[in-house]
Amino acid sequence: MFDGLHLEDLEQVNEAFPSQLIVILYDEAIKGMTDAIDAIGRGDIETRFAATTRTAEIVSQLYLALDMEQGGEIAENLGGIYNFILTQMPQINFRNDIRMAEQVVTLLAPIRDSWFELDERIRSAVTDAEAEADRIAAAMMAHGALAGKRGA
């Protein structure tokens, strides 16, 4: 799935929050569709097929990761979108249709943006919590050092 990633990208994946990984998957799926659109414009059937296949693999993984019990209506709606996208991939290849590929990007982009926003909030909350933990640890150490001096 990550065949086109470079070493720097793999390092980013290893250090990423789970929400950040979802954003990376959406970025890759959207890139696959833009690659397909470009390939259709050039008449490059092989690249178009590879790009739609890559996007289908990513969307399939996103679909399989849905937790329908915990996710409720949101998971159900995402499942419907993913299912629609997956049915479009063979049609894009069969018809060589730029508009269908653009429609997939139009569906994926706002979901990606929502995940990006959520990821930013999560990372900000984690950073704030880590800073607070560091402040508390420093205060405890200072208090312990003062207590040690008082007992001497």
C-alpha atoms as a PDB file:
ATOM      1  CA  MET A   1       0.000   0.000   0.000  1.00  0.00           C
ATOM      2  CA  PHE A   2       2.874   2.368   0.785  1.00  0.00           C
ATOM      3  CA  ASP A   3       5.015   1.338  -2.190  1.00  0.00           C
ATOM      4  CA  GLY A   4       5.699   4.929  -3.232  1.00  0.00           C
ATOM      5  CA  LEU A   5       6.817   6.130   0.199  1.00  0.00           C
ATOM      6  CA  HIS A   6      10.395   7.215   0.818  1.00  0.00           C
ATOM      7  CA  LEU A   7      12.480   6.647   3.959  1.00  0.00           C
ATOM      8  CA  GLU A   8      11.474  10.047   5.373  1.00  0.00           C
ATOM      9  CA  ASP A   9       7.826   9.111   4.845  1.00  0.00           C
ATOM     10  CA  LEU A  10       8.304   5.789   6.650  1.00  0.00           C
ATOM     11  CA  GLU A  11       9.887   7.611   9.586  1.00  0.00           C
ATOM     12  CA  GLN A  12       6.846   9.905   9.662  1.00  0.00           C
ATOM     13  CA  VAL A  13       4.553   6.854   9.705  1.00  0.00           C
ATOM     14  CA  ASN A  14       6.499   5.253  12.565  1.00  0.00           C
ATOM     15  CA  GLU A  15       6.241   8.395  14.697  1.00  0.00           C
ATOM     16  CA  ALA A  16       2.646   9.297  13.805  1.00  0.00           C
ATOM     17  CA  PHE A  17      -0.418   9.350  15.995  1.00  0.00           C
ATOM     18  CA  PRO A  18      -3.155   6.957  14.785  1.00  0.00           C
ATOM     19  CA  SER A  19      -5.220   9.941  13.621  1.00  0.00           C
ATOM     20  CA  GLN A  20      -2.232  11.177  11.631  1.00  0.00           C
ATOM     21  CA  LEU A  21      -1.971   7.779   9.935  1.00  0.00           C
ATOM     22  CA  ILE A  22      -5.580   8.131   8.794  1.00  0.00           C
ATOM     23  CA  VAL A  23      -4.730  11.526   7.271  1.00  0.00           C
ATOM     24  CA  ILE A  24      -1.763   9.927   5.474  1.00  0.00           C
ATOM     25  CA  LEU A  25      -4.054   7.232   4.065  1.00  0.00           C
ATOM     26  CA  TYR A  26      -6.500   9.838   2.779  1.00  0.00           C
ATOM     27  CA  ASP A  27      -3.622  11.835   1.275  1.00  0.00           C
ATOM     28  CA  GLU A  28      -2.417   8.706  -0.525  1.00  0.00           C
ATOM     29  CA  ALA A  29      -5.927   7.868  -1.770  1.00  0.00           C
ATOM     30  CA  ILE A  30      -6.430  11.404  -3.075  1.00  0.00           C
ATOM     31  CA  LYS A  31      -2.988  11.335  -4.674  1.00  0.00           C
ATOM     32  CA  GLY A  32      -3.939   8.074  -6.358  1.00  0.00           C
ATOM     33  CA  MET A  33      -7.011   9.699  -7.843  1.00  0.00           C
ATOM     34  CA  THR A  34      -5.142  12.798  -9.000  1.00  0.00           C
ATOM     35  CA  ASP A  35      -2.554  10.493 -10.581  1.00  0.00           C
ATOM     36  CA  ALA A  36      -5.411   8.650 -12.310  1.00  0.00           C
ATOM     37  CA  ILE A  37      -6.868  11.945 -13.551  1.00  0.00           C
ATOM     38  CA  ASP A  38      -3.478  12.991 -14.938  1.00  0.00           C
ATOM     39  CA  ALA A  39      -3.006   9.568 -16.543  1.00  0.00           C
ATOM     40  CA  ILE A  40      -6.434   9.718 -18.199  1.00  0.00           C
ATOM     41  CA  GLY A  41      -5.510  13.120 -19.607  1.00  0.00           C
ATOM     42  CA  ARG A  42      -2.296  11.672 -21.065  1.00  0.00           C
ATOM     43  CA  GLY A  43      -3.954   8.477 -22.290  1.00  0.00           C
ATOM     44  CA  ASP A  44      -1.697   6.415 -19.996  1.00  0.00           C
ATOM     45  CA  ILE A  45      -3.846   3.370 -19.268  1.00  0.00           C
ATOM     46  CA  GLU A  46      -1.237   1.516 -17.209  1.00  0.00           C
ATOM     47  CA  THR A  47      -0.664   4.420 -14.803  1.00  0.00           C
ATOM     48  CA  ARG A  48      -4.414   5.066 -14.527  1.00  0.00           C
ATOM     49  CA  PHE A  49      -5.034   1.427 -13.621  1.00  0.00           C
ATOM     50  CA  ALA A  50      -2.217   1.376 -11.053  1.00  0.00           C
ATOM     51  CA  ALA A  51      -3.492   4.610  -9.485  1.00  0.00           C
ATOM     52  CA  THR A  52      -7.101   3.439  -9.202  1.00  0.00           C
ATOM     53  CA  THR A  53      -5.914   0.102  -7.815  1.00  0.00           C
ATOM     54  CA  ARG A  54      -3.830   1.888  -5.168  1.00  0.00           C
ATOM     55  CA  THR A  55      -6.791   4.075  -4.212  1.00  0.00           C
ATOM     56  CA  ALA A  56      -9.100   1.049  -4.046  1.00  0.00           C
ATOM     57  CA  GLU A  57      -6.650  -0.762  -1.742  1.00  0.00           C
ATOM     58  CA  ILE A  58      -6.478   2.213   0.610  1.00  0.00           C
ATOM     59  CA  VAL A  59     -10.231   2.766   0.661  1.00  0.00           C
ATOM     60  CA  SER A  60     -10.732  -0.966   1.264  1.00  0.00           C
ATOM     61  CA  GLN A  61      -8.458  -0.778   4.302  1.00  0.00           C
ATOM     62  CA  LEU A  62     -10.313   2.271   5.604  1.00  0.00           C
ATOM     63  CA  TYR A  63     -13.590   0.398   5.119  1.00  0.00           C
ATOM     64  CA  LEU A  64     -12.307  -2.693   6.922  1.00  0.00           C
ATOM     65  CA  ALA A  65     -11.114  -0.549   9.825  1.00  0.00           C
ATOM     66  CA  LEU A  66     -14.604   0.800  10.509  1.00  0.00           C
ATOM     67  CA  ASP A  67     -16.103  -0.286  13.811  1.00  0.00           C
ATOM     68  CA  MET A  68     -19.808  -0.383  13.040  1.00  0.00           C
ATOM     69  CA  GLU A  69     -20.770  -1.077  16.671  1.00  0.00           C
ATOM     70  CA  GLN A  70     -18.755   1.740  18.245  1.00  0.00           C
ATOM     71  CA  GLY A  71     -18.907   4.099  15.266  1.00  0.00           C
ATOM     72  CA  GLY A  72     -22.675   4.138  14.890  1.00  0.00           C
ATOM     73  CA  GLU A  73     -24.119   6.417  12.258  1.00  0.00           C
ATOM     74  CA  ILE A  74     -20.762   7.975  11.365  1.00  0.00           C
ATOM     75  CA  ALA A  75     -19.222   4.568  10.615  1.00  0.00           C
ATOM     76  CA  GLU A  76     -22.324   3.607   8.651  1.00  0.00           C
ATOM     77  CA  ASN A  77     -22.127   6.787   6.556  1.00  0.00           C
ATOM     78  CA  LEU A  78     -18.401   6.352   5.943  1.00  0.00           C
ATOM     79  CA  GLY A  79     -19.061   2.736   4.946  1.00  0.00           C
ATOM     80  CA  GLY A  80     -21.579   3.929   2.369  1.00  0.00           C
ATOM     81  CA  ILE A  81     -19.107   6.461   0.953  1.00  0.00           C
ATOM     82  CA  TYR A  82     -16.302   3.889   0.842  1.00  0.00           C
ATOM     83  CA  ASN A  83     -18.586   1.356  -0.836  1.00  0.00           C
ATOM     84  CA  PHE A  84     -19.588   3.925  -3.462  1.00  0.00           C
ATOM     85  CA  ILE A  85     -15.949   4.826  -4.107  1.00  0.00           C
ATOM     86  CA  LEU A  86     -14.991   1.169  -4.469  1.00  0.00           C
ATOM     87  CA  THR A  87     -17.722   0.665  -7.075  1.00  0.00           C
ATOM     88  CA  GLN A  88     -16.375   3.669  -9.011  1.00  0.00           C
ATOM     89  CA  MET A  89     -12.830   2.332  -9.469  1.00  0.00           C
ATOM     90  CA  PRO A  90     -13.689  -0.275 -12.146  1.00  0.00           C
ATOM     91  CA  GLN A  91     -15.983   2.251 -13.818  1.00  0.00           C
ATOM     92  CA  ILE A  92     -13.211   4.847 -13.954  1.00  0.00           C
ATOM     93  CA  ASN A  93     -10.967   2.258 -15.595  1.00  0.00           C
ATOM     94  CA  PHE A  94     -13.630   0.951 -17.969  1.00  0.00           C
ATOM     95  CA  ARG A  95     -14.867   4.375 -19.074  1.00  0.00           C
ATOM     96  CA  ASN A  96     -11.568   6.275 -18.685  1.00  0.00           C
ATOM     97  CA  ASP A  97     -13.710   8.931 -16.992  1.00  0.00           C
ATOM     98  CA  ILE A  98     -12.026  11.982 -15.444  1.00  0.00           C
ATOM     99  CA  ARG A  99     -15.319  13.257 -13.975  1.00  0.00           C
ATOM    100  CA  MET A 100     -15.840  10.060 -11.984  1.00  0.00           C
ATOM    101  CA  ALA A 101     -12.290  10.276 -10.636  1.00  0.00           C
ATOM    102  CA  GLU A 102     -12.801  13.930  -9.710  1.00  0.00           C
ATOM    103  CA  GLN A 103     -16.006  12.954  -7.888  1.00  0.00           C
ATOM    104  CA  VAL A 104     -14.003  10.488  -5.767  1.00  0.00           C
ATOM    105  CA  VAL A 105     -11.583  13.286  -4.833  1.00  0.00           C
ATOM    106  CA  THR A 106     -14.559  15.507  -4.008  1.00  0.00           C
ATOM    107  CA  LEU A 107     -15.842  12.823  -1.624  1.00  0.00           C
ATOM    108  CA  LEU A 108     -12.489  12.082   0.011  1.00  0.00           C
ATOM    109  CA  ALA A 109     -11.160  15.634   0.481  1.00  0.00           C
ATOM    110  CA  PRO A 110     -13.615  16.890   3.136  1.00  0.00           C
ATOM    111  CA  ILE A 111     -13.306  13.655   5.127  1.00  0.00           C
ATOM    112  CA  ARG A 112      -9.513  13.992   4.984  1.00  0.00           C
ATOM    113  CA  ASP A 113      -9.775  17.602   6.137  1.00  0.00           C
ATOM    114  CA  SER A 114     -11.947  16.566   9.091  1.00  0.00           C
ATOM    115  CA  TRP A 115      -9.417  13.930  10.125  1.00  0.00           C
ATOM    116  CA  PHE A 116      -6.620  16.502   9.758  1.00  0.00           C
ATOM    117  CA  GLU A 117      -8.469  18.900  12.062  1.00  0.00           C
ATOM    118  CA  LEU A 118      -9.097  16.111  14.586  1.00  0.00           C
ATOM    119  CA  ASP A 119      -5.440  15.103  14.441  1.00  0.00           C
ATOM    120  CA  GLU A 120      -4.361  18.706  15.101  1.00  0.00           C
ATOM    121  CA  ARG A 121      -6.642  18.828  18.145  1.00  0.00           C
ATOM    122  CA  ILE A 122      -5.338  15.499  19.454  1.00  0.00           C
ATOM    123  CA  ARG A 123      -1.696  16.485  19.035  1.00  0.00           C
ATOM    124  CA  SER A 124      -2.334  19.845  20.682  1.00  0.00           C
ATOM    125  CA  ALA A 125      -4.054  18.170  23.641  1.00  0.00           C
ATOM    126  CA  VAL A 126      -1.192  15.678  23.993  1.00  0.00           C
ATOM    127  CA  THR A 127       1.401  18.469  23.846  1.00  0.00           C
ATOM    128  CA  ASP A 128      -0.506  20.427  26.501  1.00  0.00           C
ATOM    129  CA  ALA A 129      -0.805  17.331  28.716  1.00  0.00           C
ATOM    130  CA  GLU A 130       2.908  16.560  28.360  1.00  0.00           C
ATOM    131  CA  ALA A 131       3.810  20.143  29.275  1.00  0.00           C
ATOM    132  CA  GLU A 132       1.549  19.972  32.339  1.00  0.00           C
ATOM    133  CA  ALA A 133       3.086  16.637  33.372  1.00  0.00           C
ATOM    134  CA  ASP A 134       6.563  18.140  33.042  1.00  0.00           C
ATOM    135  CA  ARG A 135       5.507  21.140  35.142  1.00  0.00           C
ATOM    136  CA  ILE A 136       4.069  18.878  37.852  1.00  0.00           C
ATOM    137  CA  ALA A 137       7.164  16.645  37.859  1.00  0.00           C
ATOM    138  CA  ALA A 138       9.432  19.673  38.164  1.00  0.00           C
ATOM    139  CA  ALA A 139       7.315  21.034  41.028  1.00  0.00           C
ATOM    140  CA  MET A 140       7.395  17.666  42.791  1.00  0.00           C
ATOM    141  CA  MET A 141      11.157  17.422  42.395  1.00  0.00           C
ATOM    142  CA  ALA A 142      11.592  20.980  43.690  1.00  0.00           C
ATOM    143  CA  HIS A 143       9.295  20.209  46.609  1.00  0.00           C
ATOM    144  CA  GLY A 144      11.245  17.017  47.320  1.00  0.00           C
ATOM    145  CA  ALA A 145      14.516  18.905  47.195  1.00  0.00           C
ATOM    146  CA  LEU A 146      13.137  21.526  49.587  1.00  0.00           C
ATOM    147  CA  ALA A 147      11.808  18.836  51.925  1.00  0.00           C
ATOM    148  CA  GLY A 148      15.232  17.197  51.942  1.00  0.00           C
ATOM    149  CA  LYS A 149      16.905  20.487  52.902  1.00  0.00           C
ATOM    150  CA  ARG A 150      14.391  21.084  55.695  1.00  0.00           C
ATOM    151  CA  GLY A 151      15.089  17.670  57.230  1.00  0.00           C
ATOM    152  CA  ALA A 152      18.840  18.231  57.233  1.00  0.00           C
END
